[in-house]
Amino acid sequence: MLIYFTLVAVFVFIIVISTVIGYLFHEFSGKLVTSGRIRCIAGMVVSVLVSIIMTKLLLFGIWYYYAAAAVVTAVLYIVLLKYSQSRH
């Protein structure tokens, strides 16, 4: 039972950290890129790549962990962007 809790905790850690890194990349790339769509897409790509790399480093090389982490990270990134845009 403890192994499942640890696995879920690592999975949530990967998703949250990758989403935050992608969002920070989105915010800091504003000085380099003027188009908002390119910034959003680049931030999502960075989020997904970081989640895949972190999944590779922290978990075993099972492919469905990569897919699940990438999808949940992309969804959380979109939610974070929509929330931050609604606050401005």
N, C-alpha and C. Protein backbone atom coordinates (compact mmCIF):
# COMPACT_ATOMS: atom_id res chain seq x y z
N MET A 1 0.82 -1.19 0.00
CA MET A 1 0.00 0.00 0.00
C MET A 1 0.87 1.26 0.00
N LEU A 2 1.97 1.22 0.71
CA LEU A 2 2.85 2.37 0.79
C LEU A 2 3.52 2.65 -0.55
N ILE A 3 3.79 1.62 -1.33
CA ILE A 3 4.42 1.83 -2.64
C ILE A 3 3.49 2.59 -3.58
N TYR A 4 2.17 2.36 -3.48
CA TYR A 4 1.23 3.08 -4.33
C TYR A 4 1.15 4.55 -3.93
N PHE A 5 1.18 4.81 -2.64
CA PHE A 5 1.17 6.20 -2.18
C PHE A 5 2.42 6.93 -2.66
N THR A 6 3.56 6.28 -2.59
CA THR A 6 4.80 6.88 -3.05
C THR A 6 4.76 7.13 -4.54
N LEU A 7 4.24 6.18 -5.29
CA LEU A 7 4.13 6.33 -6.74
C LEU A 7 3.22 7.49 -7.12
N VAL A 8 2.09 7.61 -6.45
CA VAL A 8 1.16 8.71 -6.72
C VAL A 8 1.78 10.04 -6.32
N ALA A 9 2.49 10.08 -5.20
CA ALA A 9 3.13 11.32 -4.75
C ALA A 9 4.20 11.77 -5.74
N VAL A 10 4.99 10.85 -6.26
CA VAL A 10 6.01 11.19 -7.25
C VAL A 10 5.35 11.67 -8.55
N PHE A 11 4.27 11.02 -8.94
CA PHE A 11 3.55 11.40 -10.15
C PHE A 11 2.99 12.81 -10.03
N VAL A 12 2.39 13.14 -8.90
CA VAL A 12 1.84 14.48 -8.68
C VAL A 12 2.98 15.50 -8.64
N PHE A 13 4.10 15.16 -8.02
CA PHE A 13 5.26 16.04 -7.98
C PHE A 13 5.75 16.36 -9.39
N ILE A 14 5.85 15.34 -10.23
CA ILE A 14 6.29 15.53 -11.61
C ILE A 14 5.35 16.47 -12.35
N ILE A 15 4.06 16.26 -12.21
CA ILE A 15 3.08 17.07 -12.93
C ILE A 15 3.11 18.52 -12.48
N VAL A 16 3.15 18.75 -11.20
CA VAL A 16 3.12 20.13 -10.69
C VAL A 16 4.40 20.87 -11.07
N ILE A 17 5.54 20.25 -10.89
CA ILE A 17 6.81 20.91 -11.20
C ILE A 17 6.91 21.21 -12.70
N SER A 18 6.52 20.26 -13.55
CA SER A 18 6.60 20.50 -15.00
C SER A 18 5.66 21.61 -15.44
N THR A 19 4.48 21.65 -14.86
CA THR A 19 3.54 22.72 -15.21
C THR A 19 4.09 24.09 -14.81
N VAL A 20 4.65 24.18 -13.64
CA VAL A 20 5.20 25.46 -13.17
C VAL A 20 6.39 25.88 -14.03
N ILE A 21 7.25 24.94 -14.41
CA ILE A 21 8.39 25.28 -15.27
C ILE A 21 7.90 25.77 -16.63
N GLY A 22 6.90 25.11 -17.20
CA GLY A 22 6.34 25.56 -18.47
C GLY A 22 5.70 26.93 -18.38
N TYR A 23 5.00 27.19 -17.28
CA TYR A 23 4.37 28.49 -17.09
C TYR A 23 5.43 29.59 -16.93
N LEU A 24 6.48 29.30 -16.18
CA LEU A 24 7.56 30.28 -16.02
C LEU A 24 8.25 30.55 -17.35
N PHE A 25 8.43 29.51 -18.16
CA PHE A 25 8.98 29.71 -19.49
C PHE A 25 8.07 30.59 -20.32
N HIS A 26 6.77 30.37 -20.21
CA HIS A 26 5.79 31.20 -20.92
C HIS A 26 5.90 32.66 -20.50
N GLU A 27 6.02 32.90 -19.22
CA GLU A 27 6.09 34.27 -18.73
C GLU A 27 7.40 34.96 -19.11
N PHE A 28 8.50 34.25 -19.04
CA PHE A 28 9.80 34.87 -19.33
C PHE A 28 10.10 34.97 -20.81
N SER A 29 9.38 34.24 -21.64
CA SER A 29 9.61 34.31 -23.08
C SER A 29 8.88 35.50 -23.71
N GLY A 30 8.20 36.28 -22.93
CA GLY A 30 7.49 37.44 -23.43
C GLY A 30 8.40 38.50 -24.02
N LYS A 31 9.62 38.56 -23.56
CA LYS A 31 10.56 39.55 -24.10
C LYS A 31 11.18 39.07 -25.40
N LEU A 32 11.19 37.77 -25.64
CA LEU A 32 11.80 37.23 -26.86
C LEU A 32 10.80 37.09 -28.00
N VAL A 33 9.57 36.70 -27.67
CA VAL A 33 8.56 36.42 -28.68
C VAL A 33 7.39 37.35 -28.46
N THR A 34 6.92 37.96 -29.53
CA THR A 34 5.80 38.89 -29.39
C THR A 34 4.45 38.22 -29.54
N SER A 35 4.38 37.11 -30.23
CA SER A 35 3.11 36.43 -30.46
C SER A 35 2.68 35.64 -29.22
N GLY A 36 1.44 35.84 -28.81
CA GLY A 36 0.92 35.15 -27.64
C GLY A 36 0.71 33.67 -27.86
N ARG A 37 0.30 33.30 -29.07
CA ARG A 37 0.08 31.88 -29.36
C ARG A 37 1.37 31.08 -29.35
N ILE A 38 2.42 31.67 -29.89
CA ILE A 38 3.71 30.97 -29.90
C ILE A 38 4.21 30.80 -28.48
N ARG A 39 4.03 31.82 -27.63
CA ARG A 39 4.42 31.70 -26.23
C ARG A 39 3.66 30.59 -25.53
N CYS A 40 2.35 30.50 -25.79
CA CYS A 40 1.54 29.45 -25.16
C CYS A 40 1.96 28.06 -25.62
N ILE A 41 2.18 27.92 -26.91
CA ILE A 41 2.58 26.62 -27.45
C ILE A 41 3.97 26.25 -26.96
N ALA A 42 4.88 27.20 -26.93
CA ALA A 42 6.23 26.91 -26.45
C ALA A 42 6.22 26.53 -24.97
N GLY A 43 5.40 27.20 -24.18
CA GLY A 43 5.28 26.84 -22.77
C GLY A 43 4.73 25.44 -22.58
N MET A 44 3.76 25.07 -23.41
CA MET A 44 3.20 23.72 -23.30
C MET A 44 4.22 22.67 -23.72
N VAL A 45 4.97 22.97 -24.77
CA VAL A 45 6.01 22.02 -25.22
C VAL A 45 7.06 21.83 -24.13
N VAL A 46 7.47 22.92 -23.50
CA VAL A 46 8.45 22.82 -22.41
C VAL A 46 7.87 22.02 -21.25
N SER A 47 6.60 22.24 -20.92
CA SER A 47 5.96 21.49 -19.84
C SER A 47 5.95 20.00 -20.12
N VAL A 48 5.56 19.65 -21.33
CA VAL A 48 5.47 18.23 -21.69
C VAL A 48 6.86 17.60 -21.72
N LEU A 49 7.84 18.30 -22.28
CA LEU A 49 9.20 17.76 -22.32
C LEU A 49 9.78 17.57 -20.92
N VAL A 50 9.56 18.53 -20.05
CA VAL A 50 10.06 18.40 -18.67
C VAL A 50 9.36 17.24 -17.96
N SER A 51 8.07 17.08 -18.19
CA SER A 51 7.37 15.97 -17.54
C SER A 51 7.88 14.62 -18.04
N ILE A 52 8.17 14.53 -19.33
CA ILE A 52 8.70 13.27 -19.87
C ILE A 52 10.09 13.00 -19.31
N ILE A 53 10.93 14.01 -19.26
CA ILE A 53 12.29 13.83 -18.72
C ILE A 53 12.25 13.46 -17.24
N MET A 54 11.42 14.15 -16.48
CA MET A 54 11.32 13.83 -15.05
C MET A 54 10.73 12.45 -14.82
N THR A 55 9.78 12.04 -15.65
CA THR A 55 9.22 10.70 -15.53
C THR A 55 10.29 9.67 -15.82
N LYS A 56 11.11 9.94 -16.81
CA LYS A 56 12.21 9.04 -17.14
C LYS A 56 13.21 8.94 -15.99
N LEU A 57 13.49 10.06 -15.33
CA LEU A 57 14.46 10.06 -14.25
C LEU A 57 13.93 9.48 -12.95
N LEU A 58 12.67 9.77 -12.62
CA LEU A 58 12.15 9.39 -11.30
C LEU A 58 11.37 8.09 -11.27
N LEU A 59 10.84 7.67 -12.39
CA LEU A 59 10.06 6.44 -12.43
C LEU A 59 10.71 5.45 -13.37
N PHE A 60 10.14 4.29 -13.42
CA PHE A 60 10.65 3.27 -14.33
C PHE A 60 10.27 3.62 -15.76
N GLY A 61 10.90 2.98 -16.71
CA GLY A 61 10.68 3.29 -18.11
C GLY A 61 9.42 2.67 -18.69
N ILE A 62 8.30 2.86 -18.04
CA ILE A 62 7.04 2.31 -18.52
C ILE A 62 6.34 3.39 -19.33
N TRP A 63 5.92 3.09 -20.55
CA TRP A 63 5.45 4.10 -21.49
C TRP A 63 4.18 4.79 -21.06
N TYR A 64 3.28 4.11 -20.35
CA TYR A 64 2.02 4.78 -20.02
C TYR A 64 2.20 5.81 -18.91
N TYR A 65 3.27 5.76 -18.16
CA TYR A 65 3.56 6.85 -17.23
C TYR A 65 3.92 8.12 -18.00
N TYR A 66 4.66 7.97 -19.09
CA TYR A 66 4.99 9.12 -19.93
C TYR A 66 3.73 9.75 -20.50
N ALA A 67 2.87 8.92 -21.05
CA ALA A 67 1.64 9.43 -21.68
C ALA A 67 0.74 10.10 -20.65
N ALA A 68 0.56 9.47 -19.51
CA ALA A 68 -0.31 10.05 -18.48
C ALA A 68 0.26 11.35 -17.95
N ALA A 69 1.56 11.38 -17.72
CA ALA A 69 2.18 12.61 -17.21
C ALA A 69 2.09 13.73 -18.23
N ALA A 70 2.29 13.42 -19.50
CA ALA A 70 2.23 14.45 -20.55
C ALA A 70 0.82 15.01 -20.69
N VAL A 71 -0.17 14.16 -20.67
CA VAL A 71 -1.55 14.61 -20.84
C VAL A 71 -2.01 15.44 -19.64
N VAL A 72 -1.76 14.96 -18.45
CA VAL A 72 -2.20 15.69 -17.26
C VAL A 72 -1.44 17.01 -17.13
N THR A 73 -0.16 17.02 -17.49
CA THR A 73 0.61 18.26 -17.46
C THR A 73 0.06 19.28 -18.45
N ALA A 74 -0.28 18.82 -19.66
CA ALA A 74 -0.83 19.73 -20.67
C ALA A 74 -2.17 20.31 -20.20
N VAL A 75 -3.01 19.49 -19.62
CA VAL A 75 -4.31 19.97 -19.13
C VAL A 75 -4.11 20.97 -17.99
N LEU A 76 -3.24 20.65 -17.06
CA LEU A 76 -2.99 21.56 -15.95
C LEU A 76 -2.36 22.87 -16.41
N TYR A 77 -1.51 22.80 -17.43
CA TYR A 77 -0.91 24.01 -17.99
C TYR A 77 -1.98 24.91 -18.61
N ILE A 78 -2.91 24.32 -19.35
CA ILE A 78 -3.99 25.10 -19.96
C ILE A 78 -4.87 25.73 -18.90
N VAL A 79 -5.17 24.99 -17.86
CA VAL A 79 -5.98 25.54 -16.76
C VAL A 79 -5.25 26.69 -16.08
N LEU A 80 -3.95 26.54 -15.86
CA LEU A 80 -3.17 27.61 -15.24
C LEU A 80 -3.13 28.85 -16.12
N LEU A 81 -2.98 28.67 -17.44
CA LEU A 81 -2.98 29.81 -18.35
C LEU A 81 -4.34 30.53 -18.36
N LYS A 82 -5.41 29.76 -18.44
CA LYS A 82 -6.74 30.37 -18.44
C LYS A 82 -7.00 31.12 -17.15
N TYR A 83 -6.57 30.55 -16.03
CA TYR A 83 -6.77 31.20 -14.75
C TYR A 83 -5.97 32.49 -14.66
N SER A 84 -4.72 32.46 -15.14
CA SER A 84 -3.90 33.66 -15.05
C SER A 84 -4.38 34.74 -16.00
N GLN A 85 -4.92 34.36 -17.17
CA GLN A 85 -5.43 35.35 -18.11
C GLN A 85 -6.73 35.95 -17.62
N SER A 86 -7.52 35.21 -16.87
CA SER A 86 -8.77 35.75 -16.36
C SER A 86 -8.52 36.71 -15.21
N ARG A 87 -7.39 36.60 -14.54
CA ARG A 87 -7.06 37.49 -13.44
C ARG A 87 -6.53 38.84 -13.91
N HIS A 88 -6.07 38.92 -15.17
CA HIS A 88 -5.50 40.18 -15.68
C HIS A 88 -6.57 41.03 -16.22
